[in-house]
């Protein structure tokens, strides 16, 4: 927040923020809550920043969940691969190698989509 945002400390903060996100006009909200249009305009910047942070956190959580699932698949795939090796099943072993490559590719895509990675 920039210094003291009158909207952020307003008792109807949630209602005002929801109305702004829904596209209610600044003038309409200003009249309804006895606020200035400029204060509401400044507050929209807070909302955008907060939304960007929330989206980033949600994306990181989603990526972490995907990586956890890939770990589980990789563990199961390793067991299948070892069983196929023990049984000398070349066809199944090759299928496991192909799936391992797909998992590797997915991990790379996830890694590259993370902020700061190229």
N, C-alpha and C. Protein backbone atom coordinates (compact mmCIF):
# COMPACT_ATOMS: atom_id res chain seq x y z
N UNK A 1 0.82 -1.18 0.00
CA UNK A 1 0.00 0.00 0.00
C UNK A 1 0.87 1.25 0.00
N UNK A 2 0.43 2.26 -0.71
CA UNK A 2 1.12 3.54 -0.74
C UNK A 2 0.65 4.35 0.46
N UNK A 3 1.57 4.76 1.30
CA UNK A 3 1.28 5.55 2.50
C UNK A 3 0.01 5.06 3.15
N UNK A 4 -1.01 5.92 3.20
CA UNK A 4 -2.29 5.54 3.81
C UNK A 4 -3.39 5.62 2.75
N UNK A 5 -3.85 4.48 2.33
CA UNK A 5 -4.95 4.43 1.36
C UNK A 5 -6.26 4.48 2.14
N UNK A 6 -7.06 5.49 1.86
CA UNK A 6 -8.33 5.63 2.58
C UNK A 6 -9.27 4.47 2.28
N UNK A 7 -9.13 3.87 1.12
CA UNK A 7 -10.00 2.75 0.77
C UNK A 7 -9.57 1.50 1.53
N UNK A 8 -8.25 1.28 1.62
CA UNK A 8 -7.75 0.09 2.32
C UNK A 8 -8.14 0.07 3.80
N UNK A 9 -8.38 1.25 4.37
CA UNK A 9 -8.79 1.31 5.78
C UNK A 9 -10.29 1.56 5.93
N UNK A 10 -11.02 1.54 4.84
CA UNK A 10 -12.47 1.80 4.86
C UNK A 10 -13.21 0.56 5.39
N UNK A 11 -14.25 0.76 6.19
CA UNK A 11 -15.01 -0.39 6.71
C UNK A 11 -15.65 -1.25 5.61
N UNK A 12 -15.93 -0.67 4.46
CA UNK A 12 -16.55 -1.42 3.36
C UNK A 12 -15.52 -1.82 2.30
N UNK A 13 -14.29 -2.01 2.74
CA UNK A 13 -13.20 -2.35 1.81
C UNK A 13 -13.56 -3.51 0.89
N UNK A 14 -14.06 -4.59 1.45
CA UNK A 14 -14.36 -5.78 0.64
C UNK A 14 -15.41 -5.47 -0.41
N UNK A 15 -16.48 -4.79 -0.01
CA UNK A 15 -17.54 -4.46 -0.97
C UNK A 15 -17.02 -3.53 -2.07
N UNK A 16 -16.23 -2.54 -1.67
CA UNK A 16 -15.68 -1.59 -2.64
C UNK A 16 -14.74 -2.32 -3.62
N UNK A 17 -13.86 -3.14 -3.08
CA UNK A 17 -12.90 -3.87 -3.93
C UNK A 17 -13.63 -4.80 -4.87
N UNK A 18 -14.64 -5.50 -4.37
CA UNK A 18 -15.42 -6.40 -5.23
C UNK A 18 -16.13 -5.62 -6.34
N UNK A 19 -16.67 -4.47 -5.99
CA UNK A 19 -17.36 -3.64 -6.99
C UNK A 19 -16.38 -3.14 -8.05
N UNK A 20 -15.19 -2.76 -7.62
CA UNK A 20 -14.17 -2.31 -8.58
C UNK A 20 -13.78 -3.45 -9.52
N UNK A 21 -13.60 -4.62 -8.96
CA UNK A 21 -13.23 -5.78 -9.78
C UNK A 21 -14.37 -6.16 -10.73
N UNK A 22 -15.60 -5.89 -10.33
CA UNK A 22 -16.75 -6.20 -11.18
C UNK A 22 -16.96 -5.15 -12.27
N UNK A 23 -16.21 -4.05 -12.19
CA UNK A 23 -16.29 -3.03 -13.22
C UNK A 23 -17.22 -1.87 -12.91
N UNK A 24 -17.66 -1.75 -11.68
CA UNK A 24 -18.50 -0.62 -11.29
C UNK A 24 -17.71 0.67 -11.49
N UNK A 25 -18.37 1.68 -11.97
CA UNK A 25 -17.66 2.94 -12.27
C UNK A 25 -17.15 3.59 -10.99
N UNK A 26 -16.04 4.30 -11.13
CA UNK A 26 -15.45 4.99 -9.99
C UNK A 26 -16.39 6.07 -9.46
N UNK A 27 -17.04 6.78 -10.35
CA UNK A 27 -17.97 7.85 -9.93
C UNK A 27 -19.14 7.28 -9.14
N UNK A 28 -19.64 6.16 -9.60
CA UNK A 28 -20.77 5.54 -8.91
C UNK A 28 -20.37 5.11 -7.50
N UNK A 29 -19.20 4.49 -7.39
CA UNK A 29 -18.71 4.07 -6.07
C UNK A 29 -18.38 5.26 -5.18
N UNK A 30 -17.81 6.28 -5.78
CA UNK A 30 -17.48 7.48 -5.01
C UNK A 30 -18.75 8.07 -4.40
N UNK A 31 -19.80 8.16 -5.19
CA UNK A 31 -21.06 8.70 -4.69
C UNK A 31 -21.68 7.78 -3.64
N UNK A 32 -21.61 6.48 -3.88
CA UNK A 32 -22.24 5.51 -2.97
C UNK A 32 -21.57 5.50 -1.59
N UNK A 33 -20.23 5.60 -1.58
CA UNK A 33 -19.50 5.47 -0.31
C UNK A 33 -18.92 6.79 0.20
N UNK A 34 -19.20 7.88 -0.48
CA UNK A 34 -18.69 9.18 -0.04
C UNK A 34 -17.17 9.28 -0.15
N UNK A 35 -16.63 8.76 -1.24
CA UNK A 35 -15.18 8.75 -1.46
C UNK A 35 -14.83 9.60 -2.66
N UNK A 36 -13.55 9.89 -2.81
CA UNK A 36 -13.13 10.63 -4.00
C UNK A 36 -12.78 9.64 -5.12
N UNK A 37 -13.01 10.09 -6.34
CA UNK A 37 -12.68 9.28 -7.51
C UNK A 37 -11.18 8.99 -7.53
N UNK A 38 -10.36 10.00 -7.15
CA UNK A 38 -8.91 9.79 -7.17
C UNK A 38 -8.47 8.74 -6.15
N UNK A 39 -9.12 8.70 -4.98
CA UNK A 39 -8.78 7.67 -3.99
C UNK A 39 -9.13 6.29 -4.52
N UNK A 40 -10.27 6.18 -5.17
CA UNK A 40 -10.67 4.90 -5.76
C UNK A 40 -9.72 4.51 -6.89
N UNK A 41 -9.30 5.47 -7.67
CA UNK A 41 -8.36 5.20 -8.76
C UNK A 41 -7.04 4.68 -8.21
N UNK A 42 -6.54 5.32 -7.14
CA UNK A 42 -5.29 4.85 -6.53
C UNK A 42 -5.46 3.43 -5.97
N UNK A 43 -6.64 3.19 -5.42
CA UNK A 43 -6.89 1.87 -4.83
C UNK A 43 -6.89 0.77 -5.89
N UNK A 44 -7.32 1.09 -7.10
CA UNK A 44 -7.32 0.07 -8.16
C UNK A 44 -5.90 -0.44 -8.42
N UNK A 45 -4.91 0.43 -8.20
CA UNK A 45 -3.51 -0.01 -8.35
C UNK A 45 -3.17 -1.05 -7.30
N UNK A 46 -3.68 -0.88 -6.09
CA UNK A 46 -3.45 -1.87 -5.03
C UNK A 46 -4.09 -3.20 -5.42
N UNK A 47 -5.29 -3.10 -5.98
CA UNK A 47 -5.99 -4.31 -6.39
C UNK A 47 -5.21 -5.05 -7.48
N UNK A 48 -4.71 -4.29 -8.45
CA UNK A 48 -3.94 -4.92 -9.53
C UNK A 48 -2.70 -5.62 -9.00
N UNK A 49 -1.99 -4.94 -8.09
CA UNK A 49 -0.79 -5.56 -7.49
C UNK A 49 -1.17 -6.80 -6.70
N UNK A 50 -2.21 -6.69 -5.90
CA UNK A 50 -2.64 -7.84 -5.08
C UNK A 50 -3.08 -9.00 -5.96
N UNK A 51 -3.78 -8.68 -7.05
CA UNK A 51 -4.21 -9.71 -7.98
C UNK A 51 -3.01 -10.38 -8.65
N UNK A 52 -2.03 -9.59 -9.04
CA UNK A 52 -0.82 -10.14 -9.67
C UNK A 52 -0.09 -11.07 -8.71
N UNK A 53 -0.01 -10.68 -7.44
CA UNK A 53 0.65 -11.53 -6.44
C UNK A 53 -0.14 -12.81 -6.24
N UNK A 54 -1.47 -12.69 -6.17
CA UNK A 54 -2.31 -13.87 -5.97
C UNK A 54 -2.21 -14.83 -7.15
N UNK A 55 -2.20 -14.28 -8.35
CA UNK A 55 -2.07 -15.11 -9.55
C UNK A 55 -0.72 -15.81 -9.56
N UNK A 56 0.33 -15.08 -9.21
CA UNK A 56 1.67 -15.66 -9.17
C UNK A 56 1.75 -16.79 -8.14
N UNK A 57 1.18 -16.57 -6.97
CA UNK A 57 1.17 -17.61 -5.93
C UNK A 57 0.38 -18.83 -6.39
N UNK A 58 -0.76 -18.60 -7.02
CA UNK A 58 -1.59 -19.70 -7.50
C UNK A 58 -0.83 -20.50 -8.56
N UNK A 59 -0.12 -19.78 -9.43
CA UNK A 59 0.66 -20.45 -10.47
C UNK A 59 1.78 -21.29 -9.86
N UNK A 60 2.46 -20.74 -8.87
CA UNK A 60 3.53 -21.48 -8.22
C UNK A 60 2.99 -22.71 -7.49
N UNK A 61 1.84 -22.56 -6.84
CA UNK A 61 1.22 -23.71 -6.17
C UNK A 61 0.82 -24.78 -7.17
N UNK A 62 0.29 -24.34 -8.30
CA UNK A 62 -0.11 -25.29 -9.34
C UNK A 62 1.11 -26.03 -9.89
N UNK A 63 2.18 -25.28 -10.14
CA UNK A 63 3.41 -25.91 -10.64
C UNK A 63 3.97 -26.89 -9.62
N UNK A 64 3.94 -26.54 -8.36
CA UNK A 64 4.44 -27.44 -7.31
C UNK A 64 3.59 -28.72 -7.27
N UNK A 65 2.27 -28.57 -7.41
CA UNK A 65 1.39 -29.75 -7.41
C UNK A 65 1.68 -30.64 -8.63
N UNK A 66 1.91 -30.00 -9.78
CA UNK A 66 2.25 -30.79 -10.97
C UNK A 66 3.56 -31.54 -10.78
N UNK A 67 4.54 -30.88 -10.21
CA UNK A 67 5.83 -31.52 -9.98
C UNK A 67 5.69 -32.68 -8.99
N UNK A 68 4.84 -32.52 -7.97
CA UNK A 68 4.60 -33.61 -7.03
C UNK A 68 3.98 -34.82 -7.73
N UNK A 69 3.03 -34.55 -8.62
CA UNK A 69 2.40 -35.65 -9.37
C UNK A 69 3.41 -36.32 -10.30
N UNK A 70 4.26 -35.52 -10.91
CA UNK A 70 5.29 -36.10 -11.77
C UNK A 70 6.24 -36.98 -10.96
N UNK A 71 6.55 -36.55 -9.73
CA UNK A 71 7.39 -37.38 -8.85
C UNK A 71 6.74 -38.74 -8.61
N UNK A 72 5.44 -38.72 -8.33
CA UNK A 72 4.71 -39.96 -8.09
C UNK A 72 4.72 -40.85 -9.34
N UNK A 73 4.44 -40.25 -10.50
CA UNK A 73 4.47 -41.02 -11.74
C UNK A 73 5.86 -41.59 -12.00
N UNK A 74 6.86 -40.81 -11.73
CA UNK A 74 8.23 -41.25 -11.95
C UNK A 74 8.58 -42.42 -11.04
N UNK A 75 8.14 -42.35 -9.79
CA UNK A 75 8.37 -43.44 -8.84
C UNK A 75 7.69 -44.73 -9.33
N UNK A 76 6.43 -44.60 -9.73
CA UNK A 76 5.70 -45.78 -10.23
C UNK A 76 6.33 -46.32 -11.51
N UNK A 77 6.74 -45.42 -12.37
CA UNK A 77 7.38 -45.82 -13.62
C UNK A 77 8.67 -46.58 -13.36
N UNK A 78 9.43 -46.14 -12.38
CA UNK A 78 10.68 -46.83 -12.03
C UNK A 78 10.39 -48.26 -11.57
N UNK A 79 9.34 -48.43 -10.78
CA UNK A 79 8.97 -49.78 -10.33
C UNK A 79 8.58 -50.66 -11.51
N UNK A 80 7.79 -50.11 -12.43
CA UNK A 80 7.39 -50.87 -13.62
C UNK A 80 8.61 -51.21 -14.45
N UNK A 81 9.52 -50.26 -14.60
CA UNK A 81 10.73 -50.48 -15.38
C UNK A 81 11.58 -51.60 -14.77
N UNK A 82 11.76 -51.56 -13.45
CA UNK A 82 12.55 -52.60 -12.78
C UNK A 82 11.91 -53.97 -12.95
N UNK A 83 10.60 -54.02 -12.83
CA UNK A 83 9.88 -55.29 -13.02
C UNK A 83 10.05 -55.79 -14.45
N UNK A 84 9.96 -54.89 -15.42
CA UNK A 84 10.14 -55.27 -16.82
C UNK A 84 11.56 -55.75 -17.07
N UNK A 85 12.54 -55.10 -16.45
CA UNK A 85 13.93 -55.53 -16.60
C UNK A 85 14.12 -56.93 -16.03
N UNK A 86 13.55 -57.16 -14.84
CA UNK A 86 13.66 -58.48 -14.21
C UNK A 86 13.04 -59.57 -15.09
N UNK A 87 11.98 -59.23 -15.78
CA UNK A 87 11.29 -60.21 -16.64
C UNK A 87 11.85 -60.20 -18.07
N UNK A 88 12.84 -59.35 -18.29
CA UNK A 88 13.47 -59.22 -19.60
C UNK A 88 12.45 -58.86 -20.70
N UNK A 89 11.57 -57.94 -20.32
CA UNK A 89 10.56 -57.48 -21.26
C UNK A 89 11.05 -56.20 -21.92
N UNK A 90 11.65 -56.36 -23.06
CA UNK A 90 12.23 -55.23 -23.78
C UNK A 90 11.16 -54.23 -24.20
N UNK A 91 10.01 -54.73 -24.62
CA UNK A 91 8.93 -53.87 -25.08
C UNK A 91 8.46 -52.94 -23.95
N UNK A 92 8.24 -53.48 -22.77
CA UNK A 92 7.78 -52.67 -21.63
C UNK A 92 8.90 -51.74 -21.17
N UNK A 93 10.13 -52.23 -21.16
CA UNK A 93 11.26 -51.39 -20.76
C UNK A 93 11.37 -50.17 -21.67
N UNK A 94 11.24 -50.39 -22.97
CA UNK A 94 11.30 -49.28 -23.92
C UNK A 94 10.16 -48.30 -23.70
N UNK A 95 8.97 -48.82 -23.42
CA UNK A 95 7.83 -47.95 -23.12
C UNK A 95 8.10 -47.09 -21.89
N UNK A 96 8.76 -47.67 -20.89
CA UNK A 96 9.10 -46.91 -19.68
C UNK A 96 10.10 -45.80 -19.99
N UNK A 97 11.05 -46.10 -20.84
CA UNK A 97 12.04 -45.09 -21.22
C UNK A 97 11.34 -43.94 -21.96
N UNK A 98 10.40 -44.27 -22.83
CA UNK A 98 9.66 -43.23 -23.56
C UNK A 98 8.85 -42.36 -22.58
N UNK A 99 8.21 -43.00 -21.62
CA UNK A 99 7.44 -42.24 -20.64
C UNK A 99 8.36 -41.38 -19.75
N UNK A 100 9.53 -41.90 -19.42
CA UNK A 100 10.48 -41.13 -18.63
C UNK A 100 10.91 -39.88 -19.39
N UNK A 101 11.08 -40.01 -20.69
CA UNK A 101 11.42 -38.86 -21.52
C UNK A 101 10.29 -37.83 -21.53
N UNK A 102 9.05 -38.29 -21.57
CA UNK A 102 7.91 -37.37 -21.52
C UNK A 102 7.87 -36.63 -20.18
N UNK A 103 8.14 -37.36 -19.10
CA UNK A 103 8.17 -36.72 -17.78
C UNK A 103 9.27 -35.67 -17.74
N UNK A 104 10.43 -36.01 -18.27
CA UNK A 104 11.54 -35.05 -18.32
C UNK A 104 11.14 -33.80 -19.09
N UNK A 105 10.49 -33.98 -20.23
CA UNK A 105 10.05 -32.86 -21.05
C UNK A 105 9.05 -31.98 -20.30
N UNK A 106 8.11 -32.61 -19.60
CA UNK A 106 7.14 -31.85 -18.81
C UNK A 106 7.83 -31.06 -17.71
N UNK A 107 8.79 -31.68 -17.03
CA UNK A 107 9.53 -30.98 -15.98
C UNK A 107 10.24 -29.75 -16.55
N UNK A 108 10.82 -29.89 -17.72
CA UNK A 108 11.51 -28.77 -18.36
C UNK A 108 10.54 -27.64 -18.70
N UNK A 109 9.36 -27.99 -19.21
CA UNK A 109 8.37 -26.97 -19.54
C UNK A 109 7.94 -26.23 -18.28
N UNK A 110 7.73 -26.96 -17.21
CA UNK A 110 7.34 -26.34 -15.95
C UNK A 110 8.46 -25.45 -15.44
N UNK A 111 9.68 -25.94 -15.48
CA UNK A 111 10.83 -25.17 -15.02
C UNK A 111 10.98 -23.88 -15.81
N UNK A 112 10.83 -23.96 -17.11
CA UNK A 112 10.98 -22.78 -17.96
C UNK A 112 9.85 -21.77 -17.78
N UNK A 113 8.70 -22.24 -17.33
CA UNK A 113 7.58 -21.31 -17.12
C UNK A 113 7.66 -20.60 -15.78
N UNK A 114 8.59 -21.01 -14.93
CA UNK A 114 8.74 -20.37 -13.63
C UNK A 114 9.47 -19.04 -13.81
N UNK A 115 9.08 -18.03 -13.02
CA UNK A 115 9.72 -16.71 -13.14
C UNK A 115 11.23 -16.79 -12.92
N UNK A 116 11.95 -16.07 -13.75
CA UNK A 116 13.41 -16.02 -13.59
C UNK A 116 14.15 -17.12 -14.32
N UNK A 117 13.43 -18.03 -14.97
CA UNK A 117 14.08 -19.13 -15.70
C UNK A 117 14.00 -18.87 -17.20
N UNK A 118 15.06 -19.19 -17.87
CA UNK A 118 15.10 -19.01 -19.31
C UNK A 118 15.38 -20.31 -19.99
